[in-house]
Protein backbone atom coordinates (compact mmCIF):
# COMPACT_ATOMS: atom_id res chain seq x y z
CA MET A 1 -54.00 -84.72 4.79
CA LYS A 2 -52.30 -82.06 6.88
CA ASN A 3 -54.98 -79.52 5.87
CA ILE A 4 -57.79 -81.81 6.92
CA PHE A 5 -56.14 -82.43 10.30
CA LEU A 6 -55.60 -78.73 10.81
CA LEU A 7 -59.16 -77.90 9.84
CA CYS A 8 -60.58 -80.58 12.20
CA SER A 9 -58.37 -79.28 15.04
CA LEU A 10 -59.55 -75.71 14.55
CA LEU A 11 -63.20 -76.78 14.44
CA LEU A 12 -62.75 -78.81 17.60
CA LEU A 13 -61.17 -75.88 19.48
CA THR A 14 -63.84 -73.35 18.39
CA SER A 15 -66.69 -75.71 19.17
CA CYS A 16 -65.48 -76.00 22.81
CA PHE A 17 -66.03 -72.29 23.41
CA GLU A 18 -69.30 -71.64 25.18
CA VAL A 19 -70.73 -68.19 25.86
CA GLU A 20 -71.48 -67.54 29.52
CA ARG A 21 -75.23 -66.95 30.11
CA ASN A 22 -76.00 -66.70 33.82
CA CYS A 23 -79.17 -64.73 33.21
CA THR A 24 -80.77 -65.22 36.64
CA GLU A 25 -78.05 -62.97 38.13
CA PHE A 26 -79.48 -60.04 36.08
CA LYS A 27 -83.21 -60.43 36.57
CA THR A 28 -83.13 -57.69 39.23
CA GLY A 29 -80.80 -54.84 40.09
CA GLU A 30 -79.72 -51.39 39.08
CA PHE A 31 -77.89 -50.99 35.75
CA GLU A 32 -76.37 -48.38 33.44
CA PHE A 33 -76.04 -48.48 29.65
CA ASP A 34 -74.71 -46.14 26.97
CA TYR A 35 -76.76 -45.08 23.94
CA ILE A 36 -76.32 -42.62 21.07
CA ILE A 37 -78.91 -40.05 19.92
CA ASP A 38 -78.04 -37.74 17.03
CA GLY A 39 -74.37 -38.64 17.31
CA VAL A 40 -74.20 -37.79 21.04
CA LYS A 41 -73.26 -40.58 23.48
CA LYS A 42 -75.46 -40.59 26.59
CA THR A 43 -75.83 -42.82 29.65
CA GLY A 44 -79.13 -44.22 30.87
CA ARG A 45 -79.92 -46.01 34.06
CA PHE A 46 -82.69 -48.47 35.00
CA VAL A 47 -83.81 -50.32 38.08
CA ARG A 48 -85.40 -53.69 37.42
CA THR A 49 -87.42 -55.82 39.81
CA GLU A 50 -88.98 -59.12 38.94
CA ASP A 51 -92.00 -57.44 37.33
CA LEU A 52 -91.15 -53.76 36.90
CA SER A 53 -88.45 -51.68 35.13
CA ILE A 54 -87.97 -47.97 35.99
CA ASN A 55 -85.85 -46.18 33.33
CA TYR A 56 -83.98 -42.89 33.85
CA TYR A 57 -82.72 -41.21 30.65
CA ASP A 58 -82.48 -37.68 29.32
CA GLY A 59 -83.95 -36.29 32.53
CA LYS A 60 -87.08 -38.44 32.11
CA ILE A 61 -88.46 -41.31 34.14
CA ASP A 62 -90.34 -44.09 32.38
CA SER A 63 -91.82 -47.27 33.85
CA SER A 64 -92.51 -50.55 32.13
CA SER A 65 -93.93 -53.86 33.22
CA VAL A 66 -91.65 -56.87 32.82
CA ARG A 67 -92.96 -60.26 31.64
CA TRP A 68 -90.32 -62.97 31.67
CA ILE A 69 -90.52 -65.54 28.82
CA ASN A 70 -87.65 -67.57 30.19
CA ASP A 71 -84.53 -66.87 32.30
CA CYS A 72 -82.89 -64.88 29.47
CA GLU A 73 -85.78 -63.19 27.62
CA PHE A 74 -88.48 -60.78 28.67
CA ILE A 75 -91.04 -58.33 27.26
CA LEU A 76 -91.17 -54.68 28.32
CA LYS A 77 -94.56 -52.92 28.11
CA THR A 78 -94.68 -49.19 28.89
CA ILE A 79 -97.14 -48.57 31.69
CA ASN A 80 -98.33 -45.05 30.73
CA PRO A 81 -97.44 -44.57 27.03
CA LYS A 82 -97.59 -40.94 25.86
CA THR A 83 -96.93 -41.63 22.16
CA ASN A 84 -97.82 -44.33 19.69
CA SER A 85 -94.25 -45.61 19.56
CA GLU A 86 -94.24 -46.05 23.37
CA LYS A 87 -97.23 -48.37 23.01
CA ASP A 88 -95.04 -50.88 21.19
CA ASP A 89 -93.74 -53.70 23.45
CA MET A 90 -90.05 -54.43 23.37
CA HIS A 91 -88.53 -57.94 23.32
CA MET A 92 -85.28 -58.05 25.32
CA LYS A 93 -82.81 -60.96 25.20
CA ILE A 94 -79.70 -61.45 27.29
CA LEU A 95 -77.06 -62.80 24.89
CA SER A 96 -74.10 -63.23 27.21
CA THR A 97 -73.04 -62.35 30.76
CA ASP A 98 -69.73 -61.32 32.29
CA GLY A 99 -69.70 -62.71 35.78
CA THR A 100 -72.05 -60.54 37.84
CA SER A 101 -70.89 -57.16 36.52
CA SER A 102 -72.42 -56.82 33.01
CA TYR A 103 -74.44 -58.41 30.27
CA THR A 104 -74.82 -58.06 26.54
CA PHE A 105 -78.39 -57.81 25.34
CA GLU A 106 -80.39 -57.53 22.17
CA TYR A 107 -83.68 -55.67 21.82
CA LYS A 108 -86.29 -55.31 19.15
CA LEU A 109 -90.04 -54.72 18.76
CA ALA A 110 -91.98 -57.65 20.25
CA VAL A 111 -94.38 -57.67 17.29
CA LYS A 112 -93.23 -57.03 13.72
CA LYS A 113 -94.99 -54.14 12.02
CA ARG A 114 -96.35 -54.77 8.60
CA ASN A 115 -93.94 -53.85 5.78
CA LYS A 116 -91.18 -52.88 8.20
CA PRO A 117 -88.15 -55.04 9.02
CA LEU A 118 -87.37 -55.98 12.59
CA ARG A 119 -84.04 -54.36 13.35
CA PRO A 120 -82.51 -55.87 16.48
CA GLN A 121 -80.11 -53.57 18.31
CA LYS A 122 -77.43 -54.63 20.77
CA GLY A 123 -76.13 -53.03 23.92
CA VAL A 124 -74.28 -53.72 27.17
CA ALA A 125 -75.73 -53.08 30.64
CA TYR A 126 -73.43 -52.66 33.63
CA ARG A 127 -74.56 -53.51 37.18
CA ILE A 128 -74.17 -50.54 39.50
CA LYS A 129 -76.05 -52.07 42.50
């Protein structure tokens, strides 16, 4: 009987926790994020407006159109792709927010390629402006 009461109490406490998702705060702005290439940690930066994202990374500038699906999900489409992989649209999803300073996101290909698994990746973007 004690075990059932304890289990119910734990379930009740964990079910009360709700992840903060104030996505509208992060639709526009200037952000930084860290990424790793060949074991080297690097920092990228992007500026996002309601319908455009300008990315700065590895000394390159890349622009993508932004199409919002809902307040927390959008599709990025590279405007001038130079390679076949840049032609693939990316699905971005804001998973949680931390006030107005950062958000955790997940990204993956918007369309699954035949015989290849979709491998969602996660990251954290920090507001700088």
